[in-house]
Amino acid sequence: MLLSETVKQFMDCAVDTIKAMDGAPEHNDEEKAEVKNRIIKLREYLNDIEKSYFENTSAETIAQVDPAYIAEVGHS
């Protein structure tokens, strides 16, 4: 899944979770369970975001110029 799609799902879930938390002091057991499940889902999305981010950035960490070339040029 694309990083942007995963982030959008996380944000949508976060907004829904915040709405579900409204009135927390008066929540019954069913409402508490719903909020707990939403928080678990948020953690899953956050783990997916982290994984997707590092999968998408790993190629960007490869040096653009060969370090041996830089060392060679620096000694000339």
PDB file of N, CA and C in Angstrom:
ATOM      1  N   MET A   1       0.847  -1.176   0.000  1.00  0.00           N
ATOM      2  CA  MET A   1       0.000   0.000   0.000  1.00  0.00           C
ATOM      3  C   MET A   1       0.888   1.233   0.000  1.00  0.00           C
ATOM      4  N   LEU A   2       0.471   2.249  -0.694  1.00  0.00           N
ATOM      5  CA  LEU A   2       1.232   3.485  -0.760  1.00  0.00           C
ATOM      6  C   LEU A   2       1.257   4.191   0.582  1.00  0.00           C
ATOM      7  N   LEU A   3       2.360   4.862   0.851  1.00  0.00           N
ATOM      8  CA  LEU A   3       2.513   5.596   2.097  1.00  0.00           C
ATOM      9  C   LEU A   3       1.396   6.624   2.264  1.00  0.00           C
ATOM     10  N   SER A   4       1.080   7.358   1.207  1.00  0.00           N
ATOM     11  CA  SER A   4       0.050   8.392   1.300  1.00  0.00           C
ATOM     12  C   SER A   4      -1.324   7.795   1.620  1.00  0.00           C
ATOM     13  N   GLU A   5      -1.623   6.629   1.066  1.00  0.00           N
ATOM     14  CA  GLU A   5      -2.905   5.972   1.358  1.00  0.00           C
ATOM     15  C   GLU A   5      -2.960   5.524   2.812  1.00  0.00           C
ATOM     16  N   THR A   6      -1.848   5.002   3.299  1.00  0.00           N
ATOM     17  CA  THR A   6      -1.781   4.542   4.684  1.00  0.00           C
ATOM     18  C   THR A   6      -1.950   5.713   5.646  1.00  0.00           C
ATOM     19  N   VAL A   7      -1.291   6.830   5.334  1.00  0.00           N
ATOM     20  CA  VAL A   7      -1.413   8.019   6.187  1.00  0.00           C
ATOM     21  C   VAL A   7      -2.849   8.528   6.175  1.00  0.00           C
ATOM     22  N   LYS A   8      -3.490   8.528   5.008  1.00  0.00           N
ATOM     23  CA  LYS A   8      -4.885   8.983   4.929  1.00  0.00           C
ATOM     24  C   LYS A   8      -5.790   8.098   5.784  1.00  0.00           C
ATOM     25  N   GLN A   9      -5.591   6.784   5.705  1.00  0.00           N
ATOM     26  CA  GLN A   9      -6.398   5.870   6.520  1.00  0.00           C
ATOM     27  C   GLN A   9      -6.169   6.129   8.009  1.00  0.00           C
ATOM     28  N   PHE A  10      -4.908   6.362   8.387  1.00  0.00           N
ATOM     29  CA  PHE A  10      -4.590   6.663   9.775  1.00  0.00           C
ATOM     30  C   PHE A  10      -5.309   7.932  10.218  1.00  0.00           C
ATOM     31  N   MET A  11      -5.234   8.978   9.402  1.00  0.00           N
ATOM     32  CA  MET A  11      -5.851  10.260   9.764  1.00  0.00           C
ATOM     33  C   MET A  11      -7.377  10.121   9.871  1.00  0.00           C
ATOM     34  N   ASP A  12      -7.985   9.416   8.933  1.00  0.00           N
ATOM     35  CA  ASP A  12      -9.435   9.203   8.989  1.00  0.00           C
ATOM     36  C   ASP A  12      -9.812   8.450  10.264  1.00  0.00           C
ATOM     37  N   CYS A  13      -9.046   7.420  10.576  1.00  0.00           N
ATOM     38  CA  CYS A  13      -9.304   6.630  11.778  1.00  0.00           C
ATOM     39  C   CYS A  13      -9.086   7.478  13.030  1.00  0.00           C
ATOM     40  N   ALA A  14      -8.060   8.336  13.009  1.00  0.00           N
ATOM     41  CA  ALA A  14      -7.775   9.195  14.162  1.00  0.00           C
ATOM     42  C   ALA A  14      -8.933  10.155  14.420  1.00  0.00           C
ATOM     43  N   VAL A  15      -9.466  10.748  13.353  1.00  0.00           N
ATOM     44  CA  VAL A  15     -10.598  11.666  13.500  1.00  0.00           C
ATOM     45  C   VAL A  15     -11.809  10.921  14.055  1.00  0.00           C
ATOM     46  N   ASP A  16     -12.093   9.742  13.518  1.00  0.00           N
ATOM     47  CA  ASP A  16     -13.217   8.940  14.011  1.00  0.00           C
ATOM     48  C   ASP A  16     -13.013   8.537  15.472  1.00  0.00           C
ATOM     49  N   THR A  17     -11.762   8.249  15.838  1.00  0.00           N
ATOM     50  CA  THR A  17     -11.460   7.870  17.223  1.00  0.00           C
ATOM     51  C   THR A  17     -11.695   9.038  18.164  1.00  0.00           C
ATOM     52  N   ILE A  18     -11.261  10.213  17.755  1.00  0.00           N
ATOM     53  CA  ILE A  18     -11.471  11.419  18.579  1.00  0.00           C
ATOM     54  C   ILE A  18     -12.965  11.665  18.770  1.00  0.00           C
ATOM     55  N   LYS A  19     -13.732  11.509  17.710  1.00  0.00           N
ATOM     56  CA  LYS A  19     -15.188  11.688  17.808  1.00  0.00           C
ATOM     57  C   LYS A  19     -15.786  10.651  18.759  1.00  0.00           C
ATOM     58  N   ALA A  20     -15.307   9.412  18.666  1.00  0.00           N
ATOM     59  CA  ALA A  20     -15.824   8.346  19.519  1.00  0.00           C
ATOM     60  C   ALA A  20     -15.478   8.584  20.987  1.00  0.00           C
ATOM     61  N   MET A  21     -14.409   9.322  21.250  1.00  0.00           N
ATOM     62  CA  MET A  21     -13.985   9.600  22.620  1.00  0.00           C
ATOM     63  C   MET A  21     -14.809  10.707  23.275  1.00  0.00           C
ATOM     64  N   ASP A  22     -15.559  11.432  22.479  1.00  0.00           N
ATOM     65  CA  ASP A  22     -16.376  12.519  23.011  1.00  0.00           C
ATOM     66  C   ASP A  22     -17.343  11.988  24.066  1.00  0.00           C
ATOM     67  N   GLY A  23     -17.381  12.633  25.190  1.00  0.00           N
ATOM     68  CA  GLY A  23     -18.263  12.205  26.276  1.00  0.00           C
ATOM     69  C   GLY A  23     -17.713  11.046  27.070  1.00  0.00           C
ATOM     70  N   ALA A  24     -16.408  10.881  27.058  1.00  0.00           N
ATOM     71  CA  ALA A  24     -15.754   9.733  27.698  1.00  0.00           C
ATOM     72  C   ALA A  24     -16.195   9.457  29.137  1.00  0.00           C
ATOM     73  N   PRO A  25     -16.362  10.472  29.981  1.00  0.00           N
ATOM     74  CA  PRO A  25     -16.749  10.163  31.369  1.00  0.00           C
ATOM     75  C   PRO A  25     -18.067   9.397  31.497  1.00  0.00           C
ATOM     76  N   GLU A  26     -18.943   9.530  30.502  1.00  0.00           N
ATOM     77  CA  GLU A  26     -20.248   8.860  30.576  1.00  0.00           C
ATOM     78  C   GLU A  26     -20.311   7.585  29.742  1.00  0.00           C
ATOM     79  N   HIS A  27     -19.205   7.144  29.192  1.00  0.00           N
ATOM     80  CA  HIS A  27     -19.233   5.964  28.321  1.00  0.00           C
ATOM     81  C   HIS A  27     -19.567   4.688  29.090  1.00  0.00           C
ATOM     82  N   ASN A  28     -20.381   3.865  28.424  1.00  0.00           N
ATOM     83  CA  ASN A  28     -20.681   2.539  28.965  1.00  0.00           C
ATOM     84  C   ASN A  28     -19.605   1.558  28.479  1.00  0.00           C
ATOM     85  N   ASP A  29     -19.700   0.321  28.872  1.00  0.00           N
ATOM     86  CA  ASP A  29     -18.686  -0.670  28.522  1.00  0.00           C
ATOM     87  C   ASP A  29     -18.556  -0.862  27.013  1.00  0.00           C
ATOM     88  N   GLU A  30     -19.665  -0.822  26.297  1.00  0.00           N
ATOM     89  CA  GLU A  30     -19.640  -0.998  24.846  1.00  0.00           C
ATOM     90  C   GLU A  30     -18.892   0.161  24.176  1.00  0.00           C
ATOM     91  N   GLU A  31     -19.158   1.378  24.623  1.00  0.00           N
ATOM     92  CA  GLU A  31     -18.477   2.541  24.045  1.00  0.00           C
ATOM     93  C   GLU A  31     -16.976   2.519  24.377  1.00  0.00           C
ATOM     94  N   LYS A  32     -16.636   2.097  25.585  1.00  0.00           N
ATOM     95  CA  LYS A  32     -15.223   1.980  25.962  1.00  0.00           C
ATOM     96  C   LYS A  32     -14.526   0.945  25.086  1.00  0.00           C
ATOM     97  N   ALA A  33     -15.187  -0.162  24.826  1.00  0.00           N
ATOM     98  CA  ALA A  33     -14.614  -1.213  23.984  1.00  0.00           C
ATOM     99  C   ALA A  33     -14.407  -0.707  22.554  1.00  0.00           C
ATOM    100  N   GLU A  34     -15.363   0.075  22.067  1.00  0.00           N
ATOM    101  CA  GLU A  34     -15.239   0.636  20.721  1.00  0.00           C
ATOM    102  C   GLU A  34     -14.025   1.558  20.632  1.00  0.00           C
ATOM    103  N   VAL A  35     -13.855   2.428  21.619  1.00  0.00           N
ATOM    104  CA  VAL A  35     -12.707   3.339  21.623  1.00  0.00           C
ATOM    105  C   VAL A  35     -11.408   2.533  21.717  1.00  0.00           C
ATOM    106  N   LYS A  36     -11.389   1.523  22.568  1.00  0.00           N
ATOM    107  CA  LYS A  36     -10.189   0.691  22.709  1.00  0.00           C
ATOM    108  C   LYS A  36      -9.832   0.035  21.376  1.00  0.00           C
ATOM    109  N   ASN A  37     -10.829  -0.493  20.666  1.00  0.00           N
ATOM    110  CA  ASN A  37     -10.593  -1.117  19.362  1.00  0.00           C
ATOM    111  C   ASN A  37     -10.086  -0.110  18.336  1.00  0.00           C
ATOM    112  N   ARG A  38     -10.597   1.114  18.398  1.00  0.00           N
ATOM    113  CA  ARG A  38     -10.140   2.160  17.478  1.00  0.00           C
ATOM    114  C   ARG A  38      -8.679   2.518  17.759  1.00  0.00           C
ATOM    115  N   ILE A  39      -8.306   2.568  19.024  1.00  0.00           N
ATOM    116  CA  ILE A  39      -6.921   2.876  19.389  1.00  0.00           C
ATOM    117  C   ILE A  39      -5.996   1.754  18.923  1.00  0.00           C
ATOM    118  N   ILE A  40      -6.436   0.517  19.055  1.00  0.00           N
ATOM    119  CA  ILE A  40      -5.652  -0.623  18.554  1.00  0.00           C
ATOM    120  C   ILE A  40      -5.457  -0.484  17.048  1.00  0.00           C
ATOM    121  N   LYS A  41      -6.521  -0.111  16.344  1.00  0.00           N
ATOM    122  CA  LYS A  41      -6.439   0.072  14.894  1.00  0.00           C
ATOM    123  C   LYS A  41      -5.471   1.198  14.549  1.00  0.00           C
ATOM    124  N   LEU A  42      -5.482   2.275  15.337  1.00  0.00           N
ATOM    125  CA  LEU A  42      -4.544   3.375  15.105  1.00  0.00           C
ATOM    126  C   LEU A  42      -3.100   2.898  15.228  1.00  0.00           C
ATOM    127  N   ARG A  43      -2.837   2.059  16.216  1.00  0.00           N
ATOM    128  CA  ARG A  43      -1.481   1.508  16.386  1.00  0.00           C
ATOM    129  C   ARG A  43      -1.080   0.673  15.166  1.00  0.00           C
ATOM    130  N   GLU A  44      -2.021  -0.098  14.649  1.00  0.00           N
ATOM    131  CA  GLU A  44      -1.743  -0.911  13.464  1.00  0.00           C
ATOM    132  C   GLU A  44      -1.412  -0.014  12.274  1.00  0.00           C
ATOM    133  N   TYR A  45      -2.217   1.036  12.086  1.00  0.00           N
ATOM    134  CA  TYR A  45      -1.952   1.975  10.997  1.00  0.00           C
ATOM    135  C   TYR A  45      -0.599   2.650  11.187  1.00  0.00           C
ATOM    136  N   LEU A  46      -0.271   3.033  12.411  1.00  0.00           N
ATOM    137  CA  LEU A  46       0.998   3.689  12.672  1.00  0.00           C
ATOM    138  C   LEU A  46       2.166   2.754  12.363  1.00  0.00           C
ATOM    139  N   ASN A  47       2.037   1.488  12.711  1.00  0.00           N
ATOM    140  CA  ASN A  47       3.068   0.509  12.361  1.00  0.00           C
ATOM    141  C   ASN A  47       3.193   0.376  10.843  1.00  0.00           C
ATOM    142  N   ASP A  48       2.051   0.376  10.147  1.00  0.00           N
ATOM    143  CA  ASP A  48       2.067   0.298   8.685  1.00  0.00           C
ATOM    144  C   ASP A  48       2.720   1.536   8.077  1.00  0.00           C
ATOM    145  N   ILE A  49       2.453   2.701   8.665  1.00  0.00           N
ATOM    146  CA  ILE A  49       3.059   3.948   8.184  1.00  0.00           C
ATOM    147  C   ILE A  49       4.572   3.880   8.353  1.00  0.00           C
ATOM    148  N   GLU A  50       5.018   3.450   9.510  1.00  0.00           N
ATOM    149  CA  GLU A  50       6.448   3.350   9.765  1.00  0.00           C
ATOM    150  C   GLU A  50       7.108   2.407   8.752  1.00  0.00           C
ATOM    151  N   LYS A  51       6.516   1.247   8.569  1.00  0.00           N
ATOM    152  CA  LYS A  51       7.056   0.260   7.633  1.00  0.00           C
ATOM    153  C   LYS A  51       7.090   0.827   6.216  1.00  0.00           C
ATOM    154  N   SER A  52       5.996   1.422   5.798  1.00  0.00           N
ATOM    155  CA  SER A  52       5.897   1.981   4.457  1.00  0.00           C
ATOM    156  C   SER A  52       6.896   3.116   4.255  1.00  0.00           C
ATOM    157  N   TYR A  53       7.050   3.945   5.265  1.00  0.00           N
ATOM    158  CA  TYR A  53       7.993   5.066   5.173  1.00  0.00           C
ATOM    159  C   TYR A  53       9.405   4.544   4.919  1.00  0.00           C
ATOM    160  N   PHE A  54       9.849   3.585   5.727  1.00  0.00           N
ATOM    161  CA  PHE A  54      11.204   3.090   5.570  1.00  0.00           C
ATOM    162  C   PHE A  54      11.391   2.275   4.291  1.00  0.00           C
ATOM    163  N   GLU A  55      10.350   1.629   3.824  1.00  0.00           N
ATOM    164  CA  GLU A  55      10.430   0.937   2.544  1.00  0.00           C
ATOM    165  C   GLU A  55      10.581   1.939   1.403  1.00  0.00           C
ATOM    166  N   ASN A  56       9.937   3.084   1.530  1.00  0.00           N
ATOM    167  CA  ASN A  56       9.974   4.095   0.476  1.00  0.00           C
ATOM    168  C   ASN A  56      11.191   5.002   0.556  1.00  0.00           C
ATOM    169  N   THR A  57      11.880   5.017   1.675  1.00  0.00           N
ATOM    170  CA  THR A  57      13.035   5.896   1.791  1.00  0.00           C
ATOM    171  C   THR A  57      14.354   5.152   1.721  1.00  0.00           C
ATOM    172  N   SER A  58      14.342   3.842   1.795  1.00  0.00           N
ATOM    173  CA  SER A  58      15.594   3.093   1.802  1.00  0.00           C
ATOM    174  C   SER A  58      16.409   3.335   0.541  1.00  0.00           C
ATOM    175  N   ALA A  59      15.761   3.448  -0.605  1.00  0.00           N
ATOM    176  CA  ALA A  59      16.487   3.691  -1.852  1.00  0.00           C
ATOM    177  C   ALA A  59      17.088   5.084  -1.878  1.00  0.00           C
ATOM    178  N   GLU A  60      16.476   6.013  -1.170  1.00  0.00           N
ATOM    179  CA  GLU A  60      16.961   7.386  -1.169  1.00  0.00           C
ATOM    180  C   GLU A  60      18.218   7.546  -0.322  1.00  0.00           C
ATOM    181  N   THR A  61      18.527   6.575   0.515  1.00  0.00           N
ATOM    182  CA  THR A  61      19.698   6.695   1.370  1.00  0.00           C
ATOM    183  C   THR A  61      20.969   6.221   0.672  1.00  0.00           C
ATOM    184  N   ILE A  62      20.840   5.696  -0.526  1.00  0.00           N
ATOM    185  CA  ILE A  62      22.000   5.264  -1.290  1.00  0.00           C
ATOM    186  C   ILE A  62      22.736   6.510  -1.782  1.00  0.00           C
ATOM    187  N   ALA A  63      24.045   6.528  -1.595  1.00  0.00           N
ATOM    188  CA  ALA A  63      24.848   7.680  -1.997  1.00  0.00           C
ATOM    189  C   ALA A  63      24.689   7.948  -3.493  1.00  0.00           C
ATOM    190  N   GLN A  64      24.528   9.208  -3.841  1.00  0.00           N
ATOM    191  CA  GLN A  64      24.381   9.595  -5.234  1.00  0.00           C
ATOM    192  C   GLN A  64      25.728   9.548  -5.971  1.00  0.00           C
ATOM    193  N   VAL A  65      26.810   9.795  -5.243  1.00  0.00           N
ATOM    194  CA  VAL A  65      28.149   9.774  -5.814  1.00  0.00           C
ATOM    195  C   VAL A  65      28.953   8.736  -5.059  1.00  0.00           C
ATOM    196  N   ASP A  66      29.744   7.989  -5.792  1.00  0.00           N
ATOM    197  CA  ASP A  66      30.580   6.952  -5.189  1.00  0.00           C
ATOM    198  C   ASP A  66      31.575   7.590  -4.211  1.00  0.00           C
ATOM    199  N   PRO A  67      31.555   7.184  -2.931  1.00  0.00           N
ATOM    200  CA  PRO A  67      32.474   7.771  -1.953  1.00  0.00           C
ATOM    201  C   PRO A  67      33.944   7.612  -2.340  1.00  0.00           C
ATOM    202  N   ALA A  68      34.288   6.534  -3.045  1.00  0.00           N
ATOM    203  CA  ALA A  68      35.674   6.346  -3.497  1.00  0.00           C
ATOM    204  C   ALA A  68      36.057   7.445  -4.482  1.00  0.00           C
ATOM    205  N   TYR A  69      35.119   7.844  -5.329  1.00  0.00           N
ATOM    206  CA  TYR A  69      35.377   8.915  -6.293  1.00  0.00           C
ATOM    207  C   TYR A  69      35.621  10.232  -5.557  1.00  0.00           C
ATOM    208  N   ILE A  70      34.815  10.502  -4.542  1.00  0.00           N
ATOM    209  CA  ILE A  70      34.980  11.729  -3.765  1.00  0.00           C
ATOM    210  C   ILE A  70      36.347  11.733  -3.102  1.00  0.00           C
ATOM    211  N   ALA A  71      36.761  10.610  -2.525  1.00  0.00           N
ATOM    212  CA  ALA A  71      38.063  10.525  -1.878  1.00  0.00           C
ATOM    213  C   ALA A  71      39.191  10.733  -2.874  1.00  0.00           C
ATOM    214  N   GLU A  72      39.042  10.146  -4.075  1.00  0.00           N
ATOM    215  CA  GLU A  72      40.060  10.265  -5.109  1.00  0.00           C
ATOM    216  C   GLU A  72      40.195  11.712  -5.586  1.00  0.00           C
ATOM    217  N   VAL A  73      39.092  12.359  -5.827  1.00  0.00           N
ATOM    218  CA  VAL A  73      39.090  13.751  -6.298  1.00  0.00           C
ATOM    219  C   VAL A  73      39.648  14.659  -5.204  1.00  0.00           C
ATOM    220  N   GLY A  74      39.348  14.366  -3.972  1.00  0.00           N
ATOM    221  CA  GLY A  74      39.813  15.189  -2.867  1.00  0.00           C
ATOM    222  C   GLY A  74      41.322  15.152  -2.696  1.00  0.00           C
ATOM    223  N   HIS A  75      41.989  14.133  -3.222  1.00  0.00           N
ATOM    224  CA  HIS A  75      43.441  13.990  -3.065  1.00  0.00           C
ATOM    225  C   HIS A  75      44.214  14.493  -4.272  1.00  0.00           C
ATOM    226  N   SER A  76      43.528  14.993  -5.279  1.00  0.00           N
ATOM    227  CA  SER A  76      44.260  15.410  -6.471  1.00  0.00           C
ATOM    228  C   SER A  76      44.799  16.806  -6.372  1.00  0.00           C
TER     229      SER A  76
END
